[in-house]
Amino acid sequence: MKHDWVISVLQDLRTYAEAHGLHAVALKAEETLQVALAEIEADEQDSASPNTPPSGRRDN
């Protein structure tokens, strides 16, 4: 996965925040982590699908 580093940074941020009593930061880091995972997954699924023009038409 080309975005592994982003996931790692967000996990580290969450862990640091939890360890230092920064509860709101930890929650936001977790939320951001979940958004990042979902967006990366969607991007990977889009990359795996055949190339269809944005209009939905198929090239002949």
C-alpha atoms as a PDB file:
ATOM      1  CA  MET A   1       0.000   0.000   0.000  1.00  0.00           C
ATOM      2  CA  LYS A   2       1.553   3.294  -1.085  1.00  0.00           C
ATOM      3  CA  HIS A   3      -0.112   5.166   1.810  1.00  0.00           C
ATOM      4  CA  ASP A   4       1.243   3.025   4.641  1.00  0.00           C
ATOM      5  CA  TRP A   5       3.258   5.923   6.018  1.00  0.00           C
ATOM      6  CA  VAL A   6       0.128   8.069   6.457  1.00  0.00           C
ATOM      7  CA  ILE A   7      -1.600   5.316   8.404  1.00  0.00           C
ATOM      8  CA  SER A   8       1.497   4.879  10.557  1.00  0.00           C
ATOM      9  CA  VAL A   9       1.716   8.598  11.363  1.00  0.00           C
ATOM     10  CA  LEU A  10      -1.960   8.758  12.343  1.00  0.00           C
ATOM     11  CA  GLN A  11      -1.592   5.682  14.541  1.00  0.00           C
ATOM     12  CA  ASP A  12       1.470   7.199  16.211  1.00  0.00           C
ATOM     13  CA  LEU A  13      -0.365  10.470  16.787  1.00  0.00           C
ATOM     14  CA  ARG A  14      -3.309   8.646  18.347  1.00  0.00           C
ATOM     15  CA  THR A  15      -1.018   6.592  20.579  1.00  0.00           C
ATOM     16  CA  TYR A  16       0.913   9.664  21.715  1.00  0.00           C
ATOM     17  CA  ALA A  17      -2.277  11.578  22.430  1.00  0.00           C
ATOM     18  CA  GLU A  18      -3.726   8.699  24.458  1.00  0.00           C
ATOM     19  CA  ALA A  19      -0.500   8.304  26.450  1.00  0.00           C
ATOM     20  CA  HIS A  20      -0.410  12.004  27.320  1.00  0.00           C
ATOM     21  CA  GLY A  21      -4.050  12.528  28.208  1.00  0.00           C
ATOM     22  CA  LEU A  22      -4.927  14.418  25.046  1.00  0.00           C
ATOM     23  CA  HIS A  23      -8.298  12.743  24.698  1.00  0.00           C
ATOM     24  CA  ALA A  24      -9.801  15.066  22.084  1.00  0.00           C
ATOM     25  CA  VAL A  25      -6.685  14.789  19.928  1.00  0.00           C
ATOM     26  CA  ALA A  26      -6.770  11.003  20.256  1.00  0.00           C
ATOM     27  CA  LEU A  27     -10.414  10.936  19.161  1.00  0.00           C
ATOM     28  CA  LYS A  28      -9.752  13.173  16.168  1.00  0.00           C
ATOM     29  CA  ALA A  29      -6.698  11.120  15.215  1.00  0.00           C
ATOM     30  CA  GLU A  30      -8.859   7.977  15.307  1.00  0.00           C
ATOM     31  CA  GLU A  31     -11.555   9.664  13.210  1.00  0.00           C
ATOM     32  CA  THR A  32      -8.955  10.823  10.716  1.00  0.00           C
ATOM     33  CA  LEU A  33      -7.425   7.359  10.614  1.00  0.00           C
ATOM     34  CA  GLN A  34     -10.814   5.826   9.771  1.00  0.00           C
ATOM     35  CA  VAL A  35     -11.419   8.420   7.045  1.00  0.00           C
ATOM     36  CA  ALA A  36      -7.970   7.794   5.588  1.00  0.00           C
ATOM     37  CA  LEU A  37      -8.489   4.021   5.550  1.00  0.00           C
ATOM     38  CA  ALA A  38     -11.862   4.395   3.820  1.00  0.00           C
ATOM     39  CA  GLU A  39     -10.519   6.853   1.257  1.00  0.00           C
ATOM     40  CA  ILE A  40      -7.476   4.719   0.499  1.00  0.00           C
ATOM     41  CA  GLU A  41      -9.670   1.638   0.100  1.00  0.00           C
ATOM     42  CA  ALA A  42     -12.000   3.491  -2.272  1.00  0.00           C
ATOM     43  CA  ASP A  43      -9.038   4.759  -4.282  1.00  0.00           C
ATOM     44  CA  GLU A  44      -7.647   1.240  -4.586  1.00  0.00           C
ATOM     45  CA  GLN A  45     -11.025  -0.082  -5.746  1.00  0.00           C
ATOM     46  CA  ASP A  46     -11.282   2.703  -8.337  1.00  0.00           C
ATOM     47  CA  SER A  47      -7.798   1.856  -9.588  1.00  0.00           C
ATOM     48  CA  ALA A  48      -8.793  -1.780 -10.011  1.00  0.00           C
ATOM     49  CA  SER A  49     -11.875  -1.014 -12.103  1.00  0.00           C
ATOM     50  CA  PRO A  50     -11.685  -0.771 -15.914  1.00  0.00           C
ATOM     51  CA  ASN A  51     -11.050   2.637 -17.454  1.00  0.00           C
ATOM     52  CA  THR A  52     -14.463   4.104 -18.151  1.00  0.00           C
ATOM     53  CA  PRO A  53     -14.771   7.721 -19.249  1.00  0.00           C
ATOM     54  CA  PRO A  54     -16.272  10.001 -16.547  1.00  0.00           C
ATOM     55  CA  SER A  55     -19.478  10.359 -18.560  1.00  0.00           C
ATOM     56  CA  GLY A  56     -20.103   6.648 -18.205  1.00  0.00           C
ATOM     57  CA  ARG A  57     -19.767   6.098 -21.961  1.00  0.00           C
ATOM     58  CA  ARG A  58     -17.596   3.351 -23.206  1.00  0.00           C
ATOM     59  CA  ASP A  59     -14.971   4.058 -25.850  1.00  0.00           C
ATOM     60  CA  ASN A  60     -15.505   2.106 -29.059  1.00  0.00           C
END
